[in-house]
Every structure is written in C-alpha cells, then in structure tokens.
C-alpha cells in the first residue's frame, strides 16, 4: 500500500472517529498521523472541524478553538522532533 493510500485511509478513520467515537481516540489517531506522515496538516483541519461541531466557548481564556490549538501544537512538536528521532533518520 502506498503512503498516499495509507494517508487517505487514516483521514477517513479520523473523520469517522470525529463523528462517532470519543474525542481521545480522534486525538490519538491525529497525533499518530502527525508522527507517521510528513506534514500532516490534516490534523489541524480535523481539530478545526471538531471545534466547530463540539466546541464550548469560555474555557482556556474564552476561546472556542482548543482542538485547533492542540492539533497545531502536536503538529509543531512532531515537525520539531522528527529530525531528532532515530526512527526517521
């Protein structure tokens, strides 16, 4: 299976888990995608979709976009850590 096909399958799983499964399964799948695939910007898009569907205003300084912020932080960490991990060299 090619990397593109694996990425599309993971995107479909994350979208289905976003709609039907608990939030932490979606978060784990998105974090895994950030570390398995290079530049997995879909995680930020899925975080934005989750915030639009399920976001509650007023927490963490009044922002509604906590999932988007969390996905951005995880993506940034994965982009920073990838060159320092032995697995990716």
Protein backbone atom coordinates (compact mmCIF):
# COMPACT_ATOMS: atom_id res chain seq x y z
CA UNK A 1 0.00 0.00 0.00
CA UNK A 2 1.40 3.41 -0.92
CA UNK A 3 1.91 6.27 1.52
CA UNK A 4 -0.87 8.25 -0.18
CA UNK A 5 -3.35 5.40 0.22
CA UNK A 6 -2.38 4.96 3.87
CA UNK A 7 -2.83 8.68 4.44
CA UNK A 8 -6.29 8.66 2.83
CA UNK A 9 -7.34 5.66 4.93
CA UNK A 10 -6.13 7.40 8.12
CA UNK A 11 -8.00 10.58 7.09
CA UNK A 12 -11.18 8.55 6.66
CA UNK A 13 -10.69 6.88 10.04
CA UNK A 14 -10.10 10.23 11.76
CA UNK A 15 -13.21 11.70 10.13
CA UNK A 16 -15.32 8.71 11.20
CA UNK A 17 -13.87 8.79 14.71
CA UNK A 18 -14.56 12.51 14.90
CA UNK A 19 -18.22 11.83 14.27
CA UNK A 20 -18.78 8.54 16.11
CA UNK A 21 -16.04 7.84 18.67
CA UNK A 22 -14.81 9.60 21.83
CA UNK A 23 -12.58 12.63 21.39
CA UNK A 24 -9.48 10.94 22.76
CA UNK A 25 -9.49 8.29 20.03
CA UNK A 26 -9.59 11.05 17.43
CA UNK A 27 -6.78 12.88 19.21
CA UNK A 28 -4.62 9.75 19.35
CA UNK A 29 -5.21 9.00 15.66
CA UNK A 30 -4.36 12.58 14.69
CA UNK A 31 -1.21 12.53 16.83
CA UNK A 32 -0.18 9.23 15.27
CA UNK A 33 -0.74 10.75 11.83
CA UNK A 34 1.49 13.69 12.75
CA UNK A 35 4.35 11.35 13.59
CA UNK A 36 3.76 8.78 10.84
CA UNK A 37 3.33 11.13 7.89
CA UNK A 38 5.36 14.13 6.91
CA UNK A 39 3.49 17.45 7.19
CA UNK A 40 0.17 16.01 8.38
CA UNK A 41 -1.68 19.34 8.26
CA UNK A 42 -4.98 17.49 8.14
CA UNK A 43 -4.74 17.20 11.94
CA UNK A 44 -5.24 20.96 12.25
CA UNK A 45 -8.19 20.81 9.85
CA UNK A 46 -9.78 17.99 11.85
CA UNK A 47 -9.19 19.96 15.04
CA UNK A 48 -11.00 22.92 13.48
CA UNK A 49 -13.90 20.70 12.38
CA UNK A 50 -14.14 19.23 15.89
CA UNK A 51 -14.18 22.72 17.38
CA UNK A 52 -16.90 23.83 15.01
CA UNK A 53 -19.02 20.79 15.84
CA UNK A 54 -18.39 20.34 19.56
CA UNK A 55 -16.54 23.45 20.81
CA UNK A 56 -17.69 25.10 24.02
CA UNK A 57 -16.81 28.78 24.40
CA UNK A 58 -15.39 30.10 27.63
CA UNK A 59 -12.64 27.65 28.59
CA UNK A 60 -8.93 28.49 28.39
CA UNK A 61 -9.26 32.23 28.04
CA UNK A 62 -12.59 32.29 26.25
CA UNK A 63 -11.50 30.58 23.04
CA UNK A 64 -13.63 28.03 21.26
CA UNK A 65 -10.75 26.64 19.20
CA UNK A 66 -8.97 24.43 21.71
CA UNK A 67 -8.81 21.42 19.37
CA UNK A 68 -7.27 23.53 16.63
CA UNK A 69 -4.70 24.88 19.06
CA UNK A 70 -3.91 21.41 20.42
CA UNK A 71 -3.54 19.97 16.91
CA UNK A 72 -1.26 22.86 15.95
CA UNK A 73 0.94 22.24 18.99
CA UNK A 74 1.13 18.50 18.31
CA UNK A 75 1.96 19.14 14.64
CA UNK A 76 4.64 21.66 15.62
CA UNK A 77 6.15 19.22 18.11
CA UNK A 78 6.19 16.45 15.55
CA UNK A 79 7.84 18.68 12.96
CA UNK A 80 10.46 19.70 15.53
CA UNK A 81 11.07 16.22 16.95
CA UNK A 82 11.16 14.24 13.70
CA UNK A 83 14.78 15.13 12.81
CA UNK A 84 15.90 14.30 16.36
CA UNK A 85 14.37 10.82 16.50
CA UNK A 86 16.41 7.84 15.37
CA UNK A 87 13.41 6.23 13.64
CA UNK A 88 13.22 8.97 10.99
CA UNK A 89 16.92 9.18 10.08
